[in-house]
Amino acid sequence: MLDHVSGGGFRISNELKFKKRLWMRCYSKDDVLGPNIIPIGQHYENLFDINFWHTTRFMCTLRQGPNYRHYQNFTVFKLFSMSDQGGLWDWRARENGIYLKKEAGEYVLNPVWMHKEYDWIY
């Protein structure tokens, strides 16, 4: 049981307007998630164990429907040190960009309040 010592995760919510769907595909060294379509007002959530070396990282691509031309590629979850325990990284896709709130877990010392992290690429 040395390979898993704590947990983390991410949530991607579709808060786009005009009934736009959100396309997502995420991956780590070991996993590929999607592609999935997230309807407006819904979310996708992935909870997982952090590896022993605290090198867990997920990358994602998001695309706005209906034509999926507006997109962004970014790191959706990563650890910054051995003392970082992950927490839940809460992402919100909105018309003017992608927002992040990092919710602190039991051992996460630095929560991040909701703020705009990325603009859409056109």
PDB file of N, CA and C in Angstrom:
ATOM      1  N   MET A   1       0.807  -1.194   0.000  1.00  0.00           N
ATOM      2  CA  MET A   1       0.000   0.000   0.000  1.00  0.00           C
ATOM      3  C   MET A   1       0.850   1.258   0.000  1.00  0.00           C
ATOM      4  N   LEU A   2       2.093   1.189  -0.339  1.00  0.00           N
ATOM      5  CA  LEU A   2       2.943   2.366  -0.357  1.00  0.00           C
ATOM      6  C   LEU A   2       2.727   3.260  -1.556  1.00  0.00           C
ATOM      7  N   ASP A   3       2.020   2.774  -2.589  1.00  0.00           N
ATOM      8  CA  ASP A   3       1.886   3.582  -3.793  1.00  0.00           C
ATOM      9  C   ASP A   3       0.795   4.634  -3.701  1.00  0.00           C
ATOM     10  N   HIS A   4      -0.083   4.578  -2.728  1.00  0.00           N
ATOM     11  CA  HIS A   4      -1.140   5.584  -2.589  1.00  0.00           C
ATOM     12  C   HIS A   4      -1.200   6.050  -1.145  1.00  0.00           C
ATOM     13  N   VAL A   5      -1.029   7.354  -0.933  1.00  0.00           N
ATOM     14  CA  VAL A   5      -1.004   7.854   0.434  1.00  0.00           C
ATOM     15  C   VAL A   5      -2.059   8.920   0.717  1.00  0.00           C
ATOM     16  N   SER A   6      -2.636   9.527  -0.302  1.00  0.00           N
ATOM     17  CA  SER A   6      -3.653  10.552  -0.072  1.00  0.00           C
ATOM     18  C   SER A   6      -4.474  10.731  -1.342  1.00  0.00           C
ATOM     19  N   GLY A   7      -5.481  11.618  -1.280  1.00  0.00           N
ATOM     20  CA  GLY A   7      -6.362  11.779  -2.425  1.00  0.00           C
ATOM     21  C   GLY A   7      -6.433  13.189  -2.944  1.00  0.00           C
ATOM     22  N   GLY A   8      -6.893  13.286  -4.165  1.00  0.00           N
ATOM     23  CA  GLY A   8      -7.092  14.574  -4.808  1.00  0.00           C
ATOM     24  C   GLY A   8      -8.120  14.408  -5.900  1.00  0.00           C
ATOM     25  N   GLY A   9      -8.334  15.459  -6.646  1.00  0.00           N
ATOM     26  CA  GLY A   9      -9.266  15.344  -7.752  1.00  0.00           C
ATOM     27  C   GLY A   9      -9.535  16.675  -8.413  1.00  0.00           C
ATOM     28  N   PHE A  10     -10.328  16.578  -9.472  1.00  0.00           N
ATOM     29  CA  PHE A  10     -10.742  17.791 -10.164  1.00  0.00           C
ATOM     30  C   PHE A  10     -12.177  17.648 -10.636  1.00  0.00           C
ATOM     31  N   ARG A  11     -12.813  18.811 -10.789  1.00  0.00           N
ATOM     32  CA  ARG A  11     -14.184  18.897 -11.293  1.00  0.00           C
ATOM     33  C   ARG A  11     -14.177  19.933 -12.415  1.00  0.00           C
ATOM     34  N   ILE A  12     -14.844  19.611 -13.507  1.00  0.00           N
ATOM     35  CA  ILE A  12     -14.990  20.552 -14.612  1.00  0.00           C
ATOM     36  C   ILE A  12     -16.479  20.788 -14.809  1.00  0.00           C
ATOM     37  N   SER A  13     -16.914  22.045 -14.642  1.00  0.00           N
ATOM     38  CA  SER A  13     -18.333  22.394 -14.752  1.00  0.00           C
ATOM     39  C   SER A  13     -18.585  23.223 -15.997  1.00  0.00           C
ATOM     40  N   ASN A  14     -19.708  22.978 -16.628  1.00  0.00           N
ATOM     41  CA  ASN A  14     -20.126  23.752 -17.797  1.00  0.00           C
ATOM     42  C   ASN A  14     -21.059  24.862 -17.337  1.00  0.00           C
ATOM     43  N   GLU A  15     -20.539  26.095 -17.306  1.00  0.00           N
ATOM     44  CA  GLU A  15     -21.336  27.272 -16.978  1.00  0.00           C
ATOM     45  C   GLU A  15     -21.442  28.197 -18.187  1.00  0.00           C
ATOM     46  N   LEU A  16     -21.342  27.610 -19.385  1.00  0.00           N
ATOM     47  CA  LEU A  16     -21.476  28.381 -20.618  1.00  0.00           C
ATOM     48  C   LEU A  16     -22.933  28.787 -20.809  1.00  0.00           C
ATOM     49  N   LYS A  17     -23.163  29.787 -21.635  1.00  0.00           N
ATOM     50  CA  LYS A  17     -24.518  30.258 -21.932  1.00  0.00           C
ATOM     51  C   LYS A  17     -24.993  29.700 -23.264  1.00  0.00           C
ATOM     52  N   PHE A  18     -26.230  29.986 -23.592  1.00  0.00           N
ATOM     53  CA  PHE A  18     -26.827  29.679 -24.892  1.00  0.00           C
ATOM     54  C   PHE A  18     -26.834  28.186 -25.202  1.00  0.00           C
ATOM     55  N   LYS A  19     -26.991  27.366 -24.163  1.00  0.00           N
ATOM     56  CA  LYS A  19     -27.089  25.912 -24.299  1.00  0.00           C
ATOM     57  C   LYS A  19     -25.868  25.280 -24.966  1.00  0.00           C
ATOM     58  N   LYS A  20     -24.697  25.899 -24.793  1.00  0.00           N
ATOM     59  CA  LYS A  20     -23.469  25.348 -25.368  1.00  0.00           C
ATOM     60  C   LYS A  20     -22.993  24.153 -24.555  1.00  0.00           C
ATOM     61  N   ARG A  21     -22.633  23.103 -25.261  1.00  0.00           N
ATOM     62  CA  ARG A  21     -22.064  21.936 -24.604  1.00  0.00           C
ATOM     63  C   ARG A  21     -20.548  22.123 -24.506  1.00  0.00           C
ATOM     64  N   LEU A  22     -19.942  21.421 -23.562  1.00  0.00           N
ATOM     65  CA  LEU A  22     -18.504  21.510 -23.316  1.00  0.00           C
ATOM     66  C   LEU A  22     -17.875  20.148 -23.588  1.00  0.00           C
ATOM     67  N   TRP A  23     -16.929  20.125 -24.535  1.00  0.00           N
ATOM     68  CA  TRP A  23     -16.186  18.908 -24.864  1.00  0.00           C
ATOM     69  C   TRP A  23     -14.939  18.883 -23.999  1.00  0.00           C
ATOM     70  N   MET A  24     -14.620  17.724 -23.425  1.00  0.00           N
ATOM     71  CA  MET A  24     -13.418  17.616 -22.604  1.00  0.00           C
ATOM     72  C   MET A  24     -12.709  16.292 -22.837  1.00  0.00           C
ATOM     73  N   ARG A  25     -11.397  16.348 -22.752  1.00  0.00           N
ATOM     74  CA  ARG A  25     -10.559  15.153 -22.781  1.00  0.00           C
ATOM     75  C   ARG A  25      -9.380  15.442 -21.866  1.00  0.00           C
ATOM     76  N   CYS A  26      -9.113  14.516 -20.935  1.00  0.00           N
ATOM     77  CA  CYS A  26      -8.040  14.704 -19.968  1.00  0.00           C
ATOM     78  C   CYS A  26      -7.151  13.466 -19.952  1.00  0.00           C
ATOM     79  N   TYR A  27      -5.920  13.666 -19.507  1.00  0.00           N
ATOM     80  CA  TYR A  27      -5.003  12.536 -19.430  1.00  0.00           C
ATOM     81  C   TYR A  27      -3.933  12.777 -18.373  1.00  0.00           C
ATOM     82  N   SER A  28      -3.395  11.683 -17.874  1.00  0.00           N
ATOM     83  CA  SER A  28      -2.246  11.693 -16.982  1.00  0.00           C
ATOM     84  C   SER A  28      -1.239  10.716 -17.579  1.00  0.00           C
ATOM     85  N   LYS A  29      -0.205  10.438 -16.836  1.00  0.00           N
ATOM     86  CA  LYS A  29       0.780   9.458 -17.295  1.00  0.00           C
ATOM     87  C   LYS A  29       0.133   8.084 -17.487  1.00  0.00           C
ATOM     88  N   ASP A  30      -0.861   7.768 -16.649  1.00  0.00           N
ATOM     89  CA  ASP A  30      -1.450   6.429 -16.633  1.00  0.00           C
ATOM     90  C   ASP A  30      -2.877   6.338 -17.156  1.00  0.00           C
ATOM     91  N   ASP A  31      -3.575   7.447 -17.297  1.00  0.00           N
ATOM     92  CA  ASP A  31      -5.006   7.412 -17.619  1.00  0.00           C
ATOM     93  C   ASP A  31      -5.371   8.387 -18.728  1.00  0.00           C
ATOM     94  N   VAL A  32      -6.401   8.017 -19.496  1.00  0.00           N
ATOM     95  CA  VAL A  32      -7.028   8.913 -20.469  1.00  0.00           C
ATOM     96  C   VAL A  32      -8.509   8.953 -20.121  1.00  0.00           C
ATOM     97  N   LEU A  33      -9.055  10.150 -19.952  1.00  0.00           N
ATOM     98  CA  LEU A  33     -10.458  10.336 -19.593  1.00  0.00           C
ATOM     99  C   LEU A  33     -11.159  11.052 -20.740  1.00  0.00           C
ATOM    100  N   GLY A  34     -12.137  10.436 -21.301  1.00  0.00           N
ATOM    101  CA  GLY A  34     -12.882  11.053 -22.387  1.00  0.00           C
ATOM    102  C   GLY A  34     -12.393  10.610 -23.740  1.00  0.00           C
ATOM    103  N   PRO A  35     -12.880  11.285 -24.754  1.00  0.00           N
ATOM    104  CA  PRO A  35     -13.605  12.558 -24.660  1.00  0.00           C
ATOM    105  C   PRO A  35     -15.025  12.383 -24.120  1.00  0.00           C
ATOM    106  N   ASN A  36     -15.475  13.412 -23.432  1.00  0.00           N
ATOM    107  CA  ASN A  36     -16.825  13.481 -22.876  1.00  0.00           C
ATOM    108  C   ASN A  36     -17.449  14.816 -23.264  1.00  0.00           C
ATOM    109  N   ILE A  37     -18.764  14.828 -23.356  1.00  0.00           N
ATOM    110  CA  ILE A  37     -19.526  16.055 -23.578  1.00  0.00           C
ATOM    111  C   ILE A  37     -20.262  16.365 -22.273  1.00  0.00           C
ATOM    112  N   ILE A  38     -20.046  17.574 -21.751  1.00  0.00           N
ATOM    113  CA  ILE A  38     -20.698  17.997 -20.513  1.00  0.00           C
ATOM    114  C   ILE A  38     -21.810  18.976 -20.884  1.00  0.00           C
ATOM    115  N   PRO A  39     -23.075  18.613 -20.636  1.00  0.00           N
ATOM    116  CA  PRO A  39     -24.187  19.535 -20.918  1.00  0.00           C
ATOM    117  C   PRO A  39     -24.137  20.754 -20.000  1.00  0.00           C
ATOM    118  N   ILE A  40     -24.771  21.830 -20.421  1.00  0.00           N
ATOM    119  CA  ILE A  40     -24.811  23.051 -19.626  1.00  0.00           C
ATOM    120  C   ILE A  40     -25.411  22.758 -18.258  1.00  0.00           C
ATOM    121  N   GLY A  41     -24.806  23.346 -17.236  1.00  0.00           N
ATOM    122  CA  GLY A  41     -25.286  23.165 -15.869  1.00  0.00           C
ATOM    123  C   GLY A  41     -24.830  21.887 -15.204  1.00  0.00           C
ATOM    124  N   GLN A  42     -24.048  21.065 -15.888  1.00  0.00           N
ATOM    125  CA  GLN A  42     -23.577  19.810 -15.300  1.00  0.00           C
ATOM    126  C   GLN A  42     -22.058  19.834 -15.185  1.00  0.00           C
ATOM    127  N   HIS A  43     -21.508  18.797 -14.565  1.00  0.00           N
ATOM    128  CA  HIS A  43     -20.061  18.745 -14.376  1.00  0.00           C
ATOM    129  C   HIS A  43     -19.545  17.318 -14.521  1.00  0.00           C
ATOM    130  N   TYR A  44     -18.241  17.220 -14.686  1.00  0.00           N
ATOM    131  CA  TYR A  44     -17.519  15.949 -14.693  1.00  0.00           C
ATOM    132  C   TYR A  44     -16.559  16.007 -13.511  1.00  0.00           C
ATOM    133  N   GLU A  45     -16.495  14.915 -12.746  1.00  0.00           N
ATOM    134  CA  GLU A  45     -15.623  14.907 -11.577  1.00  0.00           C
ATOM    135  C   GLU A  45     -14.776  13.648 -11.583  1.00  0.00           C
ATOM    136  N   ASN A  46     -13.493  13.796 -11.254  1.00  0.00           N
ATOM    137  CA  ASN A  46     -12.573  12.668 -11.178  1.00  0.00           C
ATOM    138  C   ASN A  46     -11.805  12.766  -9.867  1.00  0.00           C
ATOM    139  N   LEU A  47     -12.010  11.793  -9.000  1.00  0.00           N
ATOM    140  CA  LEU A  47     -11.304  11.719  -7.721  1.00  0.00           C
ATOM    141  C   LEU A  47     -10.333  10.551  -7.797  1.00  0.00           C
ATOM    142  N   PHE A  48      -9.145  10.717  -7.232  1.00  0.00           N
ATOM    143  CA  PHE A  48      -8.120   9.684  -7.369  1.00  0.00           C
ATOM    144  C   PHE A  48      -7.143   9.748  -6.201  1.00  0.00           C
ATOM    145  N   ASP A  49      -6.312   8.714  -6.107  1.00  0.00           N
ATOM    146  CA  ASP A  49      -5.256   8.685  -5.101  1.00  0.00           C
ATOM    147  C   ASP A  49      -4.020   9.369  -5.651  1.00  0.00           C
ATOM    148  N   ILE A  50      -3.306  10.048  -4.783  1.00  0.00           N
ATOM    149  CA  ILE A  50      -2.040  10.687  -5.122  1.00  0.00           C
ATOM    150  C   ILE A  50      -0.950   9.626  -5.016  1.00  0.00           C
ATOM    151  N   ASN A  51      -0.039   9.574  -5.985  1.00  0.00           N
ATOM    152  CA  ASN A  51       1.007   8.564  -5.900  1.00  0.00           C
ATOM    153  C   ASN A  51       2.018   8.901  -4.795  1.00  0.00           C
ATOM    154  N   PHE A  52       2.789   7.927  -4.413  1.00  0.00           N
ATOM    155  CA  PHE A  52       3.722   8.044  -3.296  1.00  0.00           C
ATOM    156  C   PHE A  52       4.713   9.193  -3.477  1.00  0.00           C
ATOM    157  N   TRP A  53       5.153   9.445  -4.692  1.00  0.00           N
ATOM    158  CA  TRP A  53       6.156  10.466  -4.963  1.00  0.00           C
ATOM    159  C   TRP A  53       5.556  11.862  -5.154  1.00  0.00           C
ATOM    160  N   HIS A  54       4.248  11.978  -5.072  1.00  0.00           N
ATOM    161  CA  HIS A  54       3.544  13.250  -5.229  1.00  0.00           C
ATOM    162  C   HIS A  54       3.836  13.898  -6.585  1.00  0.00           C
ATOM    163  N   THR A  55       3.783  13.087  -7.624  1.00  0.00           N
ATOM    164  CA  THR A  55       3.997  13.589  -8.982  1.00  0.00           C
ATOM    165  C   THR A  55       2.736  13.481  -9.825  1.00  0.00           C
ATOM    166  N   THR A  56       1.587  13.230  -9.200  1.00  0.00           N
ATOM    167  CA  THR A  56       0.323  13.104  -9.926  1.00  0.00           C
ATOM    168  C   THR A  56       0.003  14.404 -10.656  1.00  0.00           C
ATOM    169  N   ARG A  57      -0.324  14.274 -11.952  1.00  0.00           N
ATOM    170  CA  ARG A  57      -0.642  15.447 -12.774  1.00  0.00           C
ATOM    171  C   ARG A  57      -1.650  15.025 -13.845  1.00  0.00           C
ATOM    172  N   PHE A  58      -2.638  15.895 -14.081  1.00  0.00           N
ATOM    173  CA  PHE A  58      -3.603  15.705 -15.168  1.00  0.00           C
ATOM    174  C   PHE A  58      -3.602  16.938 -16.058  1.00  0.00           C
ATOM    175  N   MET A  59      -3.661  16.713 -17.355  1.00  0.00           N
ATOM    176  CA  MET A  59      -3.792  17.770 -18.365  1.00  0.00           C
ATOM    177  C   MET A  59      -5.167  17.600 -19.010  1.00  0.00           C
ATOM    178  N   CYS A  60      -5.769  18.716 -19.451  1.00  0.00           N
ATOM    179  CA  CYS A  60      -7.075  18.641 -20.116  1.00  0.00           C
ATOM    180  C   CYS A  60      -7.134  19.590 -21.303  1.00  0.00           C
ATOM    181  N   THR A  61      -7.988  19.233 -22.240  1.00  0.00           N
ATOM    182  CA  THR A  61      -8.389  20.110 -23.329  1.00  0.00           C
ATOM    183  C   THR A  61      -9.886  20.307 -23.202  1.00  0.00           C
ATOM    184  N   LEU A  62     -10.324  21.565 -23.220  1.00  0.00           N
ATOM    185  CA  LEU A  62     -11.751  21.898 -23.222  1.00  0.00           C
ATOM    186  C   LEU A  62     -12.065  22.620 -24.516  1.00  0.00           C
ATOM    187  N   ARG A  63     -13.267  22.353 -25.071  1.00  0.00           N
ATOM    188  CA  ARG A  63     -13.726  23.015 -26.296  1.00  0.00           C
ATOM    189  C   ARG A  63     -15.195  23.400 -26.126  1.00  0.00           C
ATOM    190  N   GLN A  64     -15.516  24.629 -26.541  1.00  0.00           N
ATOM    191  CA  GLN A  64     -16.899  25.123 -26.480  1.00  0.00           C
ATOM    192  C   GLN A  64     -17.686  24.655 -27.698  1.00  0.00           C
ATOM    193  N   GLY A  65     -18.882  24.107 -27.456  1.00  0.00           N
ATOM    194  CA  GLY A  65     -19.780  23.808 -28.552  1.00  0.00           C
ATOM    195  C   GLY A  65     -20.487  25.067 -29.006  1.00  0.00           C
ATOM    196  N   PRO A  66     -21.220  25.066 -30.105  1.00  0.00           N
ATOM    197  CA  PRO A  66     -21.521  23.874 -30.909  1.00  0.00           C
ATOM    198  C   PRO A  66     -20.447  23.550 -31.947  1.00  0.00           C
ATOM    199  N   ASN A  67     -19.609  24.514 -32.342  1.00  0.00           N
ATOM    200  CA  ASN A  67     -18.626  24.216 -33.387  1.00  0.00           C
ATOM    201  C   ASN A  67     -17.275  23.806 -32.810  1.00  0.00           C
ATOM    202  N   TYR A  68     -17.054  23.961 -31.503  1.00  0.00           N
ATOM    203  CA  TYR A  68     -15.860  23.528 -30.780  1.00  0.00           C
ATOM    204  C   TYR A  68     -14.566  24.180 -31.277  1.00  0.00           C
ATOM    205  N   ARG A  69     -14.671  25.409 -31.823  1.00  0.00           N
ATOM    206  CA  ARG A  69     -13.481  26.134 -32.278  1.00  0.00           C
ATOM    207  C   ARG A  69     -12.763  26.856 -31.142  1.00  0.00           C
ATOM    208  N   HIS A  70     -13.497  27.274 -30.110  1.00  0.00           N
ATOM    209  CA  HIS A  70     -12.892  27.950 -28.961  1.00  0.00           C
ATOM    210  C   HIS A  70     -12.419  26.855 -28.000  1.00  0.00           C
ATOM    211  N   TYR A  71     -11.142  26.878 -27.626  1.00  0.00           N
ATOM    212  CA  TYR A  71     -10.590  25.792 -26.827  1.00  0.00           C
ATOM    213  C   TYR A  71      -9.520  26.319 -25.869  1.00  0.00           C
ATOM    214  N   GLN A  72      -9.073  25.429 -24.986  1.00  0.00           N
ATOM    215  CA  GLN A  72      -7.939  25.710 -24.115  1.00  0.00           C
ATOM    216  C   GLN A  72      -7.344  24.378 -23.658  1.00  0.00           C
ATOM    217  N   ASN A  73      -6.009  24.299 -23.639  1.00  0.00           N
ATOM    218  CA  ASN A  73      -5.270  23.154 -23.108  1.00  0.00           C
ATOM    219  C   ASN A  73      -4.567  23.628 -21.840  1.00  0.00           C
ATOM    220  N   PHE A  74      -4.664  22.864 -20.756  1.00  0.00           N
ATOM    221  CA  PHE A  74      -4.058  23.320 -19.508  1.00  0.00           C
ATOM    222  C   PHE A  74      -3.881  22.179 -18.518  1.00  0.00           C
ATOM    223  N   THR A  75      -3.069  22.441 -17.497  1.00  0.00           N
ATOM    224  CA  THR A  75      -2.884  21.494 -16.398  1.00  0.00           C
ATOM    225  C   THR A  75      -4.057  21.666 -15.449  1.00  0.00           C
ATOM    226  N   VAL A  76      -4.831  20.614 -15.286  1.00  0.00           N
ATOM    227  CA  VAL A  76      -6.044  20.690 -14.472  1.00  0.00           C
ATOM    228  C   VAL A  76      -5.776  20.267 -13.020  1.00  0.00           C
ATOM    229  N   PHE A  77      -4.673  19.542 -12.790  1.00  0.00           N
ATOM    230  CA  PHE A  77      -4.307  19.124 -11.432  1.00  0.00           C
ATOM    231  C   PHE A  77      -2.821  18.799 -11.400  1.00  0.00           C
ATOM    232  N   LYS A  78      -2.121  19.333 -10.396  1.00  0.00           N
ATOM    233  CA  LYS A  78      -0.741  18.923 -10.159  1.00  0.00           C
ATOM    234  C   LYS A  78      -0.353  19.278  -8.739  1.00  0.00           C
ATOM    235  N   LEU A  79       0.635  18.573  -8.248  1.00  0.00           N
ATOM    236  CA  LEU A  79       1.150  18.817  -6.912  1.00  0.00           C
ATOM    237  C   LEU A  79       2.433  19.626  -7.009  1.00  0.00           C
ATOM    238  N   PHE A  80       2.688  20.447  -6.011  1.00  0.00           N
ATOM    239  CA  PHE A  80       3.825  21.343  -6.049  1.00  0.00           C
ATOM    240  C   PHE A  80       4.958  20.941  -5.118  1.00  0.00           C
ATOM    241  N   SER A  81       4.690  20.037  -4.176  1.00  0.00           N
ATOM    242  CA  SER A  81       5.731  19.598  -3.244  1.00  0.00           C
ATOM    243  C   SER A  81       5.278  18.323  -2.549  1.00  0.00           C
ATOM    244  N   MET A  82       6.177  17.711  -1.798  1.00  0.00           N
ATOM    245  CA  MET A  82       5.825  16.498  -1.044  1.00  0.00           C
ATOM    246  C   MET A  82       4.786  16.788   0.042  1.00  0.00           C
ATOM    247  N   SER A  83       4.711  18.024   0.504  1.00  0.00           N
ATOM    248  CA  SER A  83       3.735  18.357   1.544  1.00  0.00           C
ATOM    249  C   SER A  83       2.364  18.711   0.959  1.00  0.00           C
ATOM    250  N   ASP A  84       2.279  18.897  -0.356  1.00  0.00           N
ATOM    251  CA  ASP A  84       1.006  19.198  -1.011  1.00  0.00           C
ATOM    252  C   ASP A  84       0.166  17.929  -1.068  1.00  0.00           C
ATOM    253  N   GLN A  85      -1.045  17.990  -0.531  1.00  0.00           N
ATOM    254  CA  GLN A  85      -1.910  16.818  -0.469  1.00  0.00           C
ATOM    255  C   GLN A  85      -3.029  16.829  -1.503  1.00  0.00           C
ATOM    256  N   GLY A  86      -3.014  17.770  -2.423  1.00  0.00           N
ATOM    257  CA  GLY A  86      -3.976  17.725  -3.519  1.00  0.00           C
ATOM    258  C   GLY A  86      -5.178  18.599  -3.349  1.00  0.00           C
ATOM    259  N   GLY A  87      -6.209  18.083  -2.703  1.00  0.00           N
ATOM    260  CA  GLY A  87      -7.471  18.795  -2.614  1.00  0.00           C
ATOM    261  C   GLY A  87      -8.271  18.648  -3.902  1.00  0.00           C
ATOM    262  N   LEU A  88      -9.372  19.355  -3.983  1.00  0.00           N
ATOM    263  CA  LEU A  88     -10.225  19.328  -5.177  1.00  0.00           C
ATOM    264  C   LEU A  88     -10.024  20.613  -5.964  1.00  0.00           C
ATOM    265  N   TRP A  89      -9.624  20.473  -7.215  1.00  0.00           N
ATOM    266  CA  TRP A  89      -9.451  21.609  -8.121  1.00  0.00           C
ATOM    267  C   TRP A  89     -10.752  21.761  -8.898  1.00  0.00           C
ATOM    268  N   ASP A  90     -11.479  22.827  -8.635  1.00  0.00           N
ATOM    269  CA  ASP A  90     -12.817  23.056  -9.183  1.00  0.00           C
ATOM    270  C   ASP A  90     -12.723  24.052 -10.343  1.00  0.00           C
ATOM    271  N   TRP A  91     -12.890  23.557 -11.581  1.00  0.00           N
ATOM    272  CA  TRP A  91     -12.794  24.378 -12.789  1.00  0.00           C
ATOM    273  C   TRP A  91     -14.187  24.703 -13.312  1.00  0.00           C
ATOM    274  N   ARG A  92     -14.396  25.945 -13.781  1.00  0.00           N
ATOM    275  CA  ARG A  92     -15.682  26.387 -14.324  1.00  0.00           C
ATOM    276  C   ARG A  92     -15.464  26.987 -15.704  1.00  0.00           C
ATOM    277  N   ALA A  93     -16.059  26.391 -16.725  1.00  0.00           N
ATOM    278  CA  ALA A  93     -15.985  26.931 -18.086  1.00  0.00           C
ATOM    279  C   ALA A  93     -17.094  27.961 -18.240  1.00  0.00           C
ATOM    280  N   ARG A  94     -16.697  29.208 -18.497  1.00  0.00           N
ATOM    281  CA  ARG A  94     -17.637  30.308 -18.688  1.00  0.00           C
ATOM    282  C   ARG A  94     -17.358  30.977 -20.025  1.00  0.00           C
ATOM    283  N   GLU A  95     -18.262  31.828 -20.458  1.00  0.00           N
ATOM    284  CA  GLU A  95     -18.135  32.489 -21.761  1.00  0.00           C
ATOM    285  C   GLU A  95     -16.818  33.253 -21.906  1.00  0.00           C
ATOM    286  N   ASN A  96     -16.393  33.923 -20.858  1.00  0.00           N
ATOM    287  CA  ASN A  96     -15.204  34.775 -20.959  1.00  0.00           C
ATOM    288  C   ASN A  96     -13.918  34.097 -20.497  1.00  0.00           C
ATOM    289  N   GLY A  97     -13.957  32.814 -20.165  1.00  0.00           N
ATOM    290  CA  GLY A  97     -12.743  32.122 -19.764  1.00  0.00           C
ATOM    291  C   GLY A  97     -13.010  30.934 -18.860  1.00  0.00           C
ATOM    292  N   ILE A  98     -11.922  30.409 -18.329  1.00  0.00           N
ATOM    293  CA  ILE A  98     -11.981  29.228 -17.468  1.00  0.00           C
ATOM    294  C   ILE A  98     -11.509  29.651 -16.076  1.00  0.00           C
ATOM    295  N   TYR A  99     -12.319  29.352 -15.080  1.00  0.00           N
ATOM    296  CA  TYR A  99     -12.094  29.796 -13.711  1.00  0.00           C
ATOM    297  C   TYR A  99     -11.685  28.614 -12.831  1.00  0.00           C
ATOM    298  N   LEU A 100     -10.918  28.914 -11.781  1.00  0.00           N
ATOM    299  CA  LEU A 100     -10.429  27.890 -10.863  1.00  0.00           C
ATOM    300  C   LEU A 100     -10.701  28.279  -9.421  1.00  0.00           C
ATOM    301  N   LYS A 101     -11.100  27.276  -8.642  1.00  0.00           N
ATOM    302  CA  LYS A 101     -11.165  27.372  -7.192  1.00  0.00           C
ATOM    303  C   LYS A 101     -10.552  26.075  -6.666  1.00  0.00           C
ATOM    304  N   LYS A 102      -9.535  26.189  -5.837  1.00  0.00           N
ATOM    305  CA  LYS A 102      -8.907  25.003  -5.252  1.00  0.00           C
ATOM    306  C   LYS A 102      -9.403  24.871  -3.824  1.00  0.00           C
ATOM    307  N   GLU A 103     -10.185  23.826  -3.597  1.00  0.00           N
ATOM    308  CA  GLU A 103     -10.755  23.601  -2.275  1.00  0.00           C
ATOM    309  C   GLU A 103      -9.772  22.842  -1.420  1.00  0.00           C
ATOM    310  N   ALA A 104      -9.524  23.352  -0.234  1.00  0.00           N
ATOM    311  CA  ALA A 104      -8.570  22.734   0.672  1.00  0.00           C
ATOM    312  C   ALA A 104      -9.129  21.445   1.253  1.00  0.00           C
ATOM    313  N   GLY A 105      -8.275  20.440   1.308  1.00  0.00           N
ATOM    314  CA  GLY A 105      -8.599  19.194   1.987  1.00  0.00           C
ATOM    315  C   GLY A 105      -8.069  19.258   3.414  1.00  0.00           C
ATOM    316  N   GLU A 106      -8.011  18.120   4.050  1.00  0.00           N
ATOM    317  CA  GLU A 106      -7.580  18.069   5.446  1.00  0.00           C
ATOM    318  C   GLU A 106      -6.157  18.611   5.628  1.00  0.00           C
ATOM    319  N   TYR A 107      -5.279  18.326   4.656  1.00  0.00           N
ATOM    320  CA  TYR A 107      -3.885  18.744   4.792  1.00  0.00           C
ATOM    321  C   TYR A 107      -3.467  19.791   3.761  1.00  0.00           C
ATOM    322  N   VAL A 108      -4.407  20.331   3.017  1.00  0.00           N
ATOM    323  CA  VAL A 108      -4.075  21.352   2.021  1.00  0.00           C
ATOM    324  C   VAL A 108      -4.068  22.701   2.725  1.00  0.00           C
ATOM    325  N   LEU A 109      -2.918  23.347   2.690  1.00  0.00           N
ATOM    326  CA  LEU A 109      -2.751  24.574   3.461  1.00  0.00           C
ATOM    327  C   LEU A 109      -3.089  25.828   2.679  1.00  0.00           C
ATOM    328  N   ASN A 110      -3.099  25.767   1.353  1.00  0.00           N
ATOM    329  CA  ASN A 110      -3.270  26.972   0.544  1.00  0.00           C
ATOM    330  C   ASN A 110      -4.451  26.857  -0.405  1.00  0.00           C
ATOM    331  N   PRO A 111      -5.667  27.098   0.084  1.00  0.00           N
ATOM    332  CA  PRO A 111      -6.792  27.092  -0.852  1.00  0.00           C
ATOM    333  C   PRO A 111      -6.677  28.269  -1.817  1.00  0.00           C
ATOM    334  N   VAL A 112      -7.285  28.143  -2.973  1.00  0.00           N
ATOM    335  CA  VAL A 112      -7.285  29.201  -3.980  1.00  0.00           C
ATOM    336  C   VAL A 112      -8.737  29.602  -4.202  1.00  0.00           C
ATOM    337  N   TRP A 113      -9.052  30.887  -4.072  1.00  0.00           N
ATOM    338  CA  TRP A 113     -10.418  31.364  -4.263  1.00  0.00           C
ATOM    339  C   TRP A 113     -10.730  31.442  -5.748  1.00  0.00           C
ATOM    340  N   MET A 114     -12.016  31.422  -6.090  1.00  0.00           N
ATOM    341  CA  MET A 114     -12.448  31.441  -7.485  1.00  0.00           C
ATOM    342  C   MET A 114     -11.879  32.652  -8.211  1.00  0.00           C
ATOM    343  N   HIS A 115     -11.206  32.390  -9.325  1.00  0.00           N
ATOM    344  CA  HIS A 115     -10.628  33.458 -10.145  1.00  0.00           C
ATOM    345  C   HIS A 115     -10.458  32.948 -11.576  1.00  0.00           C
ATOM    346  N   LYS A 116     -10.386  33.895 -12.496  1.00  0.00           N
ATOM    347  CA  LYS A 116     -10.182  33.540 -13.897  1.00  0.00           C
ATOM    348  C   LYS A 116      -8.734  33.125 -14.086  1.00  0.00           C
ATOM    349  N   GLU A 117      -8.537  31.909 -14.606  1.00  0.00           N
ATOM    350  CA  GLU A 117      -7.197  31.369 -14.789  1.00  0.00           C
ATOM    351  C   GLU A 117      -6.756  31.400 -16.255  1.00  0.00           C
ATOM    352  N   TYR A 118      -7.696  31.143 -17.193  1.00  0.00           N
ATOM    353  CA  TYR A 118      -7.357  31.073 -18.611  1.00  0.00           C
ATOM    354  C   TYR A 118      -8.414  31.748 -19.474  1.00  0.00           C
ATOM    355  N   ASP A 119      -7.971  32.329 -20.587  1.00  0.00           N
ATOM    356  CA  ASP A 119      -8.867  32.791 -21.634  1.00  0.00           C
ATOM    357  C   ASP A 119      -9.039  31.669 -22.650  1.00  0.00           C
ATOM    358  N   TRP A 120     -10.116  31.723 -23.398  1.00  0.00           N
ATOM    359  CA  TRP A 120     -10.310  30.784 -24.499  1.00  0.00           C
ATOM    360  C   TRP A 120      -9.395  31.164 -25.656  1.00  0.00           C
ATOM    361  N   ILE A 121      -8.890  30.166 -26.365  1.00  0.00           N
ATOM    362  CA  ILE A 121      -8.105  30.381 -27.575  1.00  0.00           C
ATOM    363  C   ILE A 121      -9.085  30.340 -28.743  1.00  0.00           C
ATOM    364  N   TYR A 122      -9.026  31.350 -29.622  1.00  0.00           N
ATOM    365  CA  TYR A 122      -9.957  31.445 -30.745  1.00  0.00           C
ATOM    366  C   TYR A 122      -9.309  31.009 -32.026  1.00  0.00           C
TER     367      TYR A 122
END
